[in-house]
Amino acid sequence: MSKPTEEVLKKVKEASKNGRISCTAARELGKELNVSLRMIGDACNELKIKIYACELGCF
């Protein structure tokens, strides 16, 4: 498990709505921040944010 940075945690929290984030938004955020999808997923887990509408099975 990769430890998400404070910036990643903040951006994931900002991008989520009602404790949820779409797979598309999570993948775009990873690309924007230049971090792995694993780190985005770990940030979501740490923040208890659910990823929904998963398209590729990345998370």
C-alpha atoms as a PDB file:
ATOM      1  CA  MET A   1       0.000   0.000   0.000  1.00  0.00           C
ATOM      2  CA  SER A   2       1.382   3.390  -1.016  1.00  0.00           C
ATOM      3  CA  LYS A   3       0.886   6.189   1.462  1.00  0.00           C
ATOM      4  CA  PRO A   4      -1.049   9.032  -0.181  1.00  0.00           C
ATOM      5  CA  THR A   5       0.427  12.496   0.205  1.00  0.00           C
ATOM      6  CA  GLU A   6      -1.515  15.284   1.893  1.00  0.00           C
ATOM      7  CA  GLU A   7      -2.062  16.893  -1.521  1.00  0.00           C
ATOM      8  CA  VAL A   8      -3.568  13.679  -2.928  1.00  0.00           C
ATOM      9  CA  LEU A   9      -5.817  13.263   0.114  1.00  0.00           C
ATOM     10  CA  LYS A  10      -6.995  16.869  -0.191  1.00  0.00           C
ATOM     11  CA  LYS A  11      -7.706  16.621  -3.932  1.00  0.00           C
ATOM     12  CA  VAL A  12      -9.563  13.307  -3.579  1.00  0.00           C
ATOM     13  CA  LYS A  13     -11.682  14.740  -0.784  1.00  0.00           C
ATOM     14  CA  GLU A  14     -12.464  17.841  -2.881  1.00  0.00           C
ATOM     15  CA  ALA A  15     -13.374  15.719  -5.934  1.00  0.00           C
ATOM     16  CA  SER A  16     -15.722  13.434  -4.018  1.00  0.00           C
ATOM     17  CA  LYS A  17     -19.380  14.135  -3.404  1.00  0.00           C
ATOM     18  CA  ASN A  18     -21.294  12.584  -0.518  1.00  0.00           C
ATOM     19  CA  GLY A  19     -18.409  10.211   0.222  1.00  0.00           C
ATOM     20  CA  ARG A  20     -18.291   8.913  -3.365  1.00  0.00           C
ATOM     21  CA  ILE A  21     -16.210   9.476  -6.489  1.00  0.00           C
ATOM     22  CA  SER A  22     -16.691   7.998  -9.947  1.00  0.00           C
ATOM     23  CA  CYS A  23     -14.055   5.773 -11.461  1.00  0.00           C
ATOM     24  CA  THR A  24     -13.667   8.257 -14.322  1.00  0.00           C
ATOM     25  CA  ALA A  25     -13.070  11.158 -11.928  1.00  0.00           C
ATOM     26  CA  ALA A  26     -10.607   9.078  -9.869  1.00  0.00           C
ATOM     27  CA  ARG A  27      -8.623   8.111 -12.990  1.00  0.00           C
ATOM     28  CA  GLU A  28      -8.590  11.718 -14.245  1.00  0.00           C
ATOM     29  CA  LEU A  29      -7.414  12.916 -10.839  1.00  0.00           C
ATOM     30  CA  GLY A  30      -4.570  10.396 -10.858  1.00  0.00           C
ATOM     31  CA  LYS A  31      -3.510  11.611 -14.292  1.00  0.00           C
ATOM     32  CA  GLU A  32      -3.776  15.273 -13.240  1.00  0.00           C
ATOM     33  CA  LEU A  33      -1.683  14.683 -10.109  1.00  0.00           C
ATOM     34  CA  ASN A  34       0.707  12.321 -11.918  1.00  0.00           C
ATOM     35  CA  VAL A  35       0.245   9.583  -9.314  1.00  0.00           C
ATOM     36  CA  SER A  36      -0.655   5.918  -9.614  1.00  0.00           C
ATOM     37  CA  LEU A  37      -4.219   4.686  -9.516  1.00  0.00           C
ATOM     38  CA  ARG A  38      -3.114   2.647  -6.510  1.00  0.00           C
ATOM     39  CA  MET A  39      -2.368   5.874  -4.617  1.00  0.00           C
ATOM     40  CA  ILE A  40      -5.755   7.334  -5.570  1.00  0.00           C
ATOM     41  CA  GLY A  41      -7.413   4.109  -4.402  1.00  0.00           C
ATOM     42  CA  ASP A  42      -5.440   4.133  -1.156  1.00  0.00           C
ATOM     43  CA  ALA A  43      -6.462   7.759  -0.572  1.00  0.00           C
ATOM     44  CA  CYS A  44     -10.108   6.810  -1.118  1.00  0.00           C
ATOM     45  CA  ASN A  45      -9.754   3.927   1.336  1.00  0.00           C
ATOM     46  CA  GLU A  46      -8.106   6.166   3.939  1.00  0.00           C
ATOM     47  CA  LEU A  47     -10.842   8.786   3.551  1.00  0.00           C
ATOM     48  CA  LYS A  48     -13.605   6.128   3.425  1.00  0.00           C
ATOM     49  CA  ILE A  49     -14.662   7.337  -0.034  1.00  0.00           C
ATOM     50  CA  LYS A  50     -16.443   4.818  -2.242  1.00  0.00           C
ATOM     51  CA  ILE A  51     -15.468   4.543  -5.913  1.00  0.00           C
ATOM     52  CA  TYR A  52     -18.533   3.869  -8.066  1.00  0.00           C
ATOM     53  CA  ALA A  53     -19.215   3.116 -11.736  1.00  0.00           C
ATOM     54  CA  CYS A  54     -15.892   1.317 -12.087  1.00  0.00           C
ATOM     55  CA  GLU A  55     -15.208   0.852 -15.771  1.00  0.00           C
ATOM     56  CA  LEU A  56     -11.958  -1.054 -15.983  1.00  0.00           C
ATOM     57  CA  GLY A  57     -11.625  -2.849 -12.656  1.00  0.00           C
ATOM     58  CA  CYS A  58      -8.750  -0.522 -11.682  1.00  0.00           C
ATOM     59  CA  PHE A  59      -9.913  -0.143  -8.088  1.00  0.00           C
END
